[in-house]
Amino acid sequence: MKAEELRSMSPDQLEEKLGELKKEQFNLRFQRATGQLENTSRVRTVRRDIARIKTVATQRRSGADKKKG
């Protein structure tokens, strides 16, 4: 997921996506602990997507996103 896609989302959509990714992260961690995880790179991808969402949300709160556009 790219930052541009996230910037086009509403705050509610960002919160919803963040919740989905956190659930997926939990499930991936559980799978890794039980030895059932097949796609290990997905853990990294989900973690980075969560960070991107949090970054975009923080930028919006500080007003940095409006200065850029």
PDB file of N, CA and C in Angstrom:
ATOM      1  N   MET A   1       0.834  -1.172   0.000  1.00  0.00           N
ATOM      2  CA  MET A   1       0.000   0.000   0.000  1.00  0.00           C
ATOM      3  C   MET A   1       0.884   1.243   0.000  1.00  0.00           C
ATOM      4  N   LYS A   2       0.573   2.156  -0.886  1.00  0.00           N
ATOM      5  CA  LYS A   2       1.381   3.359  -1.026  1.00  0.00           C
ATOM      6  C   LYS A   2       0.806   4.496  -0.190  1.00  0.00           C
ATOM      7  N   ALA A   3       1.680   5.423   0.174  1.00  0.00           N
ATOM      8  CA  ALA A   3       1.268   6.556   0.997  1.00  0.00           C
ATOM      9  C   ALA A   3       0.242   7.413   0.268  1.00  0.00           C
ATOM     10  N   GLU A   4       0.350   7.525  -1.042  1.00  0.00           N
ATOM     11  CA  GLU A   4      -0.611   8.327  -1.809  1.00  0.00           C
ATOM     12  C   GLU A   4      -2.020   7.752  -1.686  1.00  0.00           C
ATOM     13  N   GLU A   5      -2.119   6.420  -1.690  1.00  0.00           N
ATOM     14  CA  GLU A   5      -3.430   5.780  -1.515  1.00  0.00           C
ATOM     15  C   GLU A   5      -4.005   6.126  -0.154  1.00  0.00           C
ATOM     16  N   LEU A   6      -3.148   6.129   0.850  1.00  0.00           N
ATOM     17  CA  LEU A   6      -3.595   6.409   2.202  1.00  0.00           C
ATOM     18  C   LEU A   6      -4.019   7.861   2.356  1.00  0.00           C
ATOM     19  N   ARG A   7      -3.318   8.761   1.706  1.00  0.00           N
ATOM     20  CA  ARG A   7      -3.653  10.187   1.807  1.00  0.00           C
ATOM     21  C   ARG A   7      -5.013  10.492   1.184  1.00  0.00           C
ATOM     22  N   SER A   8      -5.428   9.667   0.233  1.00  0.00           N
ATOM     23  CA  SER A   8      -6.718   9.897  -0.411  1.00  0.00           C
ATOM     24  C   SER A   8      -7.880   9.347   0.415  1.00  0.00           C
ATOM     25  N   MET A   9      -7.588   8.604   1.477  1.00  0.00           N
ATOM     26  CA  MET A   9      -8.632   8.022   2.327  1.00  0.00           C
ATOM     27  C   MET A   9      -9.089   9.025   3.382  1.00  0.00           C
ATOM     28  N   SER A  10     -10.330   8.839   3.828  1.00  0.00           N
ATOM     29  CA  SER A  10     -10.852   9.679   4.908  1.00  0.00           C
ATOM     30  C   SER A  10     -10.293   9.160   6.245  1.00  0.00           C
ATOM     31  N   PRO A  11     -10.355   9.966   7.290  1.00  0.00           N
ATOM     32  CA  PRO A  11      -9.871   9.511   8.598  1.00  0.00           C
ATOM     33  C   PRO A  11     -10.566   8.237   9.084  1.00  0.00           C
ATOM     34  N   ASP A  12     -11.861   8.117   8.802  1.00  0.00           N
ATOM     35  CA  ASP A  12     -12.588   6.912   9.209  1.00  0.00           C
ATOM     36  C   ASP A  12     -12.075   5.684   8.461  1.00  0.00           C
ATOM     37  N   GLN A  13     -11.809   5.851   7.184  1.00  0.00           N
ATOM     38  CA  GLN A  13     -11.278   4.744   6.386  1.00  0.00           C
ATOM     39  C   GLN A  13      -9.895   4.336   6.885  1.00  0.00           C
ATOM     40  N   LEU A  14      -9.084   5.321   7.274  1.00  0.00           N
ATOM     41  CA  LEU A  14      -7.752   5.013   7.806  1.00  0.00           C
ATOM     42  C   LEU A  14      -7.847   4.210   9.092  1.00  0.00           C
ATOM     43  N   GLU A  15      -8.767   4.617   9.970  1.00  0.00           N
ATOM     44  CA  GLU A  15      -8.937   3.894  11.234  1.00  0.00           C
ATOM     45  C   GLU A  15      -9.403   2.461  10.981  1.00  0.00           C
ATOM     46  N   GLU A  16     -10.301   2.297  10.023  1.00  0.00           N
ATOM     47  CA  GLU A  16     -10.805   0.968   9.695  1.00  0.00           C
ATOM     48  C   GLU A  16      -9.685   0.087   9.145  1.00  0.00           C
ATOM     49  N   LYS A  17      -8.892   0.648   8.241  1.00  0.00           N
ATOM     50  CA  LYS A  17      -7.774  -0.098   7.648  1.00  0.00           C
ATOM     51  C   LYS A  17      -6.744  -0.455   8.701  1.00  0.00           C
ATOM     52  N   LEU A  18      -6.495   0.474   9.635  1.00  0.00           N
ATOM     53  CA  LEU A  18      -5.550   0.222  10.713  1.00  0.00           C
ATOM     54  C   LEU A  18      -6.022  -0.942  11.582  1.00  0.00           C
ATOM     55  N   GLY A  19      -7.303  -0.977  11.877  1.00  0.00           N
ATOM     56  CA  GLY A  19      -7.863  -2.080  12.662  1.00  0.00           C
ATOM     57  C   GLY A  19      -7.714  -3.421  11.953  1.00  0.00           C
ATOM     58  N   GLU A  20      -7.981  -3.419  10.656  1.00  0.00           N
ATOM     59  CA  GLU A  20      -7.836  -4.651   9.867  1.00  0.00           C
ATOM     60  C   GLU A  20      -6.396  -5.149   9.887  1.00  0.00           C
ATOM     61  N   LEU A  21      -5.461  -4.218   9.703  1.00  0.00           N
ATOM     62  CA  LEU A  21      -4.050  -4.607   9.662  1.00  0.00           C
ATOM     63  C   LEU A  21      -3.562  -5.093  11.024  1.00  0.00           C
ATOM     64  N   LYS A  22      -4.056  -4.492  12.093  1.00  0.00           N
ATOM     65  CA  LYS A  22      -3.644  -4.939  13.421  1.00  0.00           C
ATOM     66  C   LYS A  22      -4.160  -6.345  13.715  1.00  0.00           C
ATOM     67  N   LYS A  23      -5.378  -6.637  13.254  1.00  0.00           N
ATOM     68  CA  LYS A  23      -5.913  -7.993  13.412  1.00  0.00           C
ATOM     69  C   LYS A  23      -5.074  -8.986  12.613  1.00  0.00           C
ATOM     70  N   GLU A  24      -4.733  -8.585  11.391  1.00  0.00           N
ATOM     71  CA  GLU A  24      -3.911  -9.462  10.551  1.00  0.00           C
ATOM     72  C   GLU A  24      -2.537  -9.678  11.181  1.00  0.00           C
ATOM     73  N   GLN A  25      -1.971  -8.613  11.747  1.00  0.00           N
ATOM     74  CA  GLN A  25      -0.669  -8.728  12.402  1.00  0.00           C
ATOM     75  C   GLN A  25      -0.742  -9.707  13.573  1.00  0.00           C
ATOM     76  N   PHE A  26      -1.808  -9.631  14.350  1.00  0.00           N
ATOM     77  CA  PHE A  26      -1.983 -10.553  15.464  1.00  0.00           C
ATOM     78  C   PHE A  26      -2.055 -11.993  14.964  1.00  0.00           C
ATOM     79  N   ASN A  27      -2.859 -12.214  13.910  1.00  0.00           N
ATOM     80  CA  ASN A  27      -2.998 -13.555  13.361  1.00  0.00           C
ATOM     81  C   ASN A  27      -1.672 -14.077  12.809  1.00  0.00           C
ATOM     82  N   LEU A  28      -0.915 -13.203  12.155  1.00  0.00           N
ATOM     83  CA  LEU A  28       0.382 -13.618  11.616  1.00  0.00           C
ATOM     84  C   LEU A  28       1.347 -13.988  12.746  1.00  0.00           C
ATOM     85  N   ARG A  29       1.333 -13.197  13.819  1.00  0.00           N
ATOM     86  CA  ARG A  29       2.192 -13.516  14.963  1.00  0.00           C
ATOM     87  C   ARG A  29       1.814 -14.850  15.577  1.00  0.00           C
ATOM     88  N   PHE A  30       0.526 -15.096  15.666  1.00  0.00           N
ATOM     89  CA  PHE A  30       0.041 -16.361  16.219  1.00  0.00           C
ATOM     90  C   PHE A  30       0.479 -17.530  15.336  1.00  0.00           C
ATOM     91  N   GLN A  31       0.347 -17.353  14.019  1.00  0.00           N
ATOM     92  CA  GLN A  31       0.760 -18.397  13.087  1.00  0.00           C
ATOM     93  C   GLN A  31       2.258 -18.659  13.181  1.00  0.00           C
ATOM     94  N   ARG A  32       3.041 -17.592  13.336  1.00  0.00           N
ATOM     95  CA  ARG A  32       4.488 -17.759  13.444  1.00  0.00           C
ATOM     96  C   ARG A  32       4.852 -18.522  14.713  1.00  0.00           C
ATOM     97  N   ALA A  33       4.154 -18.225  15.793  1.00  0.00           N
ATOM     98  CA  ALA A  33       4.444 -18.884  17.067  1.00  0.00           C
ATOM     99  C   ALA A  33       4.093 -20.371  17.025  1.00  0.00           C
ATOM    100  N   THR A  34       3.066 -20.730  16.271  1.00  0.00           N
ATOM    101  CA  THR A  34       2.661 -22.129  16.190  1.00  0.00           C
ATOM    102  C   THR A  34       3.326 -22.867  15.034  1.00  0.00           C
ATOM    103  N   GLY A  35       4.155 -22.155  14.262  1.00  0.00           N
ATOM    104  CA  GLY A  35       4.869 -22.796  13.161  1.00  0.00           C
ATOM    105  C   GLY A  35       4.041 -22.992  11.913  1.00  0.00           C
ATOM    106  N   GLN A  36       2.941 -22.274  11.771  1.00  0.00           N
ATOM    107  CA  GLN A  36       2.064 -22.438  10.615  1.00  0.00           C
ATOM    108  C   GLN A  36       2.232 -21.331   9.577  1.00  0.00           C
ATOM    109  N   LEU A  37       3.098 -20.379   9.832  1.00  0.00           N
ATOM    110  CA  LEU A  37       3.251 -19.243   8.923  1.00  0.00           C
ATOM    111  C   LEU A  37       4.039 -19.660   7.687  1.00  0.00           C
ATOM    112  N   GLU A  38       3.419 -19.462   6.517  1.00  0.00           N
ATOM    113  CA  GLU A  38       4.075 -19.830   5.265  1.00  0.00           C
ATOM    114  C   GLU A  38       4.732 -18.617   4.603  1.00  0.00           C
ATOM    115  N   ASN A  39       4.039 -17.480   4.596  1.00  0.00           N
ATOM    116  CA  ASN A  39       4.543 -16.285   3.932  1.00  0.00           C
ATOM    117  C   ASN A  39       5.136 -15.345   4.984  1.00  0.00           C
ATOM    118  N   THR A  40       6.408 -15.522   5.286  1.00  0.00           N
ATOM    119  CA  THR A  40       7.038 -14.751   6.354  1.00  0.00           C
ATOM    120  C   THR A  40       7.217 -13.276   5.982  1.00  0.00           C
ATOM    121  N   SER A  41       7.271 -12.959   4.709  1.00  0.00           N
ATOM    122  CA  SER A  41       7.453 -11.570   4.302  1.00  0.00           C
ATOM    123  C   SER A  41       6.199 -10.734   4.558  1.00  0.00           C
ATOM    124  N   ARG A  42       5.077 -11.384   4.723  1.00  0.00           N
ATOM    125  CA  ARG A  42       3.824 -10.657   4.969  1.00  0.00           C
ATOM    126  C   ARG A  42       3.877  -9.930   6.319  1.00  0.00           C
ATOM    127  N   VAL A  43       4.588 -10.491   7.294  1.00  0.00           N
ATOM    128  CA  VAL A  43       4.718  -9.858   8.604  1.00  0.00           C
ATOM    129  C   VAL A  43       5.355  -8.481   8.449  1.00  0.00           C
ATOM    130  N   ARG A  44       6.402  -8.406   7.670  1.00  0.00           N
ATOM    131  CA  ARG A  44       7.114  -7.150   7.440  1.00  0.00           C
ATOM    132  C   ARG A  44       6.233  -6.154   6.689  1.00  0.00           C
ATOM    133  N   THR A  45       5.534  -6.627   5.675  1.00  0.00           N
ATOM    134  CA  THR A  45       4.674  -5.768   4.873  1.00  0.00           C
ATOM    135  C   THR A  45       3.561  -5.157   5.719  1.00  0.00           C
ATOM    136  N   VAL A  46       2.927  -5.974   6.548  1.00  0.00           N
ATOM    137  CA  VAL A  46       1.845  -5.484   7.396  1.00  0.00           C
ATOM    138  C   VAL A  46       2.376  -4.463   8.396  1.00  0.00           C
ATOM    139  N   ARG A  47       3.520  -4.744   8.980  1.00  0.00           N
ATOM    140  CA  ARG A  47       4.113  -3.823   9.953  1.00  0.00           C
ATOM    141  C   ARG A  47       4.399  -2.465   9.317  1.00  0.00           C
ATOM    142  N   ARG A  48       4.899  -2.474   8.105  1.00  0.00           N
ATOM    143  CA  ARG A  48       5.214  -1.221   7.420  1.00  0.00           C
ATOM    144  C   ARG A  48       3.951  -0.474   6.997  1.00  0.00           C
ATOM    145  N   ASP A  49       2.915  -1.215   6.600  1.00  0.00           N
ATOM    146  CA  ASP A  49       1.653  -0.563   6.249  1.00  0.00           C
ATOM    147  C   ASP A  49       1.037   0.122   7.469  1.00  0.00           C
ATOM    148  N   ILE A  50       1.126  -0.514   8.617  1.00  0.00           N
ATOM    149  CA  ILE A  50       0.633   0.090   9.857  1.00  0.00           C
ATOM    150  C   ILE A  50       1.395   1.377  10.131  1.00  0.00           C
ATOM    151  N   ALA A  51       2.699   1.350   9.959  1.00  0.00           N
ATOM    152  CA  ALA A  51       3.513   2.543  10.184  1.00  0.00           C
ATOM    153  C   ALA A  51       3.139   3.652   9.212  1.00  0.00           C
ATOM    154  N   ARG A  52       2.857   3.307   7.958  1.00  0.00           N
ATOM    155  CA  ARG A  52       2.468   4.315   6.965  1.00  0.00           C
ATOM    156  C   ARG A  52       1.151   4.981   7.354  1.00  0.00           C
ATOM    157  N   ILE A  53       0.193   4.173   7.796  1.00  0.00           N
ATOM    158  CA  ILE A  53      -1.097   4.723   8.202  1.00  0.00           C
ATOM    159  C   ILE A  53      -0.917   5.674   9.381  1.00  0.00           C
ATOM    160  N   LYS A  54      -0.120   5.265  10.346  1.00  0.00           N
ATOM    161  CA  LYS A  54       0.107   6.120  11.512  1.00  0.00           C
ATOM    162  C   LYS A  54       0.815   7.409  11.128  1.00  0.00           C
ATOM    163  N   THR A  55       1.733   7.328  10.183  1.00  0.00           N
ATOM    164  CA  THR A  55       2.454   8.514   9.727  1.00  0.00           C
ATOM    165  C   THR A  55       1.506   9.493   9.039  1.00  0.00           C
ATOM    166  N   VAL A  56       0.666   8.992   8.155  1.00  0.00           N
ATOM    167  CA  VAL A  56      -0.284   9.852   7.445  1.00  0.00           C
ATOM    168  C   VAL A  56      -1.247  10.497   8.440  1.00  0.00           C
ATOM    169  N   ALA A  57      -1.715   9.720   9.413  1.00  0.00           N
ATOM    170  CA  ALA A  57      -2.635  10.270  10.416  1.00  0.00           C
ATOM    171  C   ALA A  57      -1.962  11.369  11.233  1.00  0.00           C
ATOM    172  N   THR A  58      -0.709  11.169  11.596  1.00  0.00           N
ATOM    173  CA  THR A  58       0.027  12.175  12.362  1.00  0.00           C
ATOM    174  C   THR A  58       0.248  13.432  11.532  1.00  0.00           C
ATOM    175  N   GLN A  59       0.572  13.252  10.267  1.00  0.00           N
ATOM    176  CA  GLN A  59       0.773  14.408   9.381  1.00  0.00           C
ATOM    177  C   GLN A  59      -0.503  15.225   9.251  1.00  0.00           C
ATOM    178  N   ARG A  60      -1.630  14.545   9.164  1.00  0.00           N
ATOM    179  CA  ARG A  60      -2.898  15.261   9.052  1.00  0.00           C
ATOM    180  C   ARG A  60      -3.194  16.059  10.315  1.00  0.00           C
ATOM    181  N   ARG A  61      -2.917  15.458  11.453  1.00  0.00           N
ATOM    182  CA  ARG A  61      -3.182  16.157  12.706  1.00  0.00           C
ATOM    183  C   ARG A  61      -2.306  17.391  12.858  1.00  0.00           C
ATOM    184  N   SER A  62      -1.066  17.301  12.384  1.00  0.00           N
ATOM    185  CA  SER A  62      -0.150  18.432  12.521  1.00  0.00           C
ATOM    186  C   SER A  62      -0.330  19.454  11.402  1.00  0.00           C
ATOM    187  N   GLY A  63      -1.085  19.081  10.373  1.00  0.00           N
ATOM    188  CA  GLY A  63      -1.313  19.991   9.270  1.00  0.00           C
ATOM    189  C   GLY A  63      -0.235  19.949   8.209  1.00  0.00           C
ATOM    190  N   ALA A  64       0.710  19.052   8.311  1.00  0.00           N
ATOM    191  CA  ALA A  64       1.804  18.966   7.341  1.00  0.00           C
ATOM    192  C   ALA A  64       1.305  18.529   5.968  1.00  0.00           C
ATOM    193  N   ASP A  65       0.237  17.754   5.948  1.00  0.00           N
ATOM    194  CA  ASP A  65      -0.286  17.243   4.682  1.00  0.00           C
ATOM    195  C   ASP A  65      -0.842  18.377   3.817  1.00  0.00           C
ATOM    196  N   LYS A  66      -1.412  19.395   4.430  1.00  0.00           N
ATOM    197  CA  LYS A  66      -1.995  20.511   3.675  1.00  0.00           C
ATOM    198  C   LYS A  66      -0.929  21.411   3.091  1.00  0.00           C
ATOM    199  N   LYS A  67       0.184  21.549   3.791  1.00  0.00           N
ATOM    200  CA  LYS A  67       1.275  22.381   3.301  1.00  0.00           C
ATOM    201  C   LYS A  67       1.897  21.792   2.042  1.00  0.00           C
ATOM    202  N   LYS A  68       1.951  20.457   1.991  1.00  0.00           N
ATOM    203  CA  LYS A  68       2.579  19.763   0.873  1.00  0.00           C
ATOM    204  C   LYS A  68       1.758  19.895  -0.403  1.00  0.00           C
ATOM    205  N   GLY A  69       0.445  19.709  -0.301  1.00  0.00           N
ATOM    206  CA  GLY A  69      -0.412  19.638  -1.467  1.00  0.00           C
ATOM    207  C   GLY A  69      -0.770  20.945  -2.013  1.00  0.00           C
TER     208      GLY A  69
END
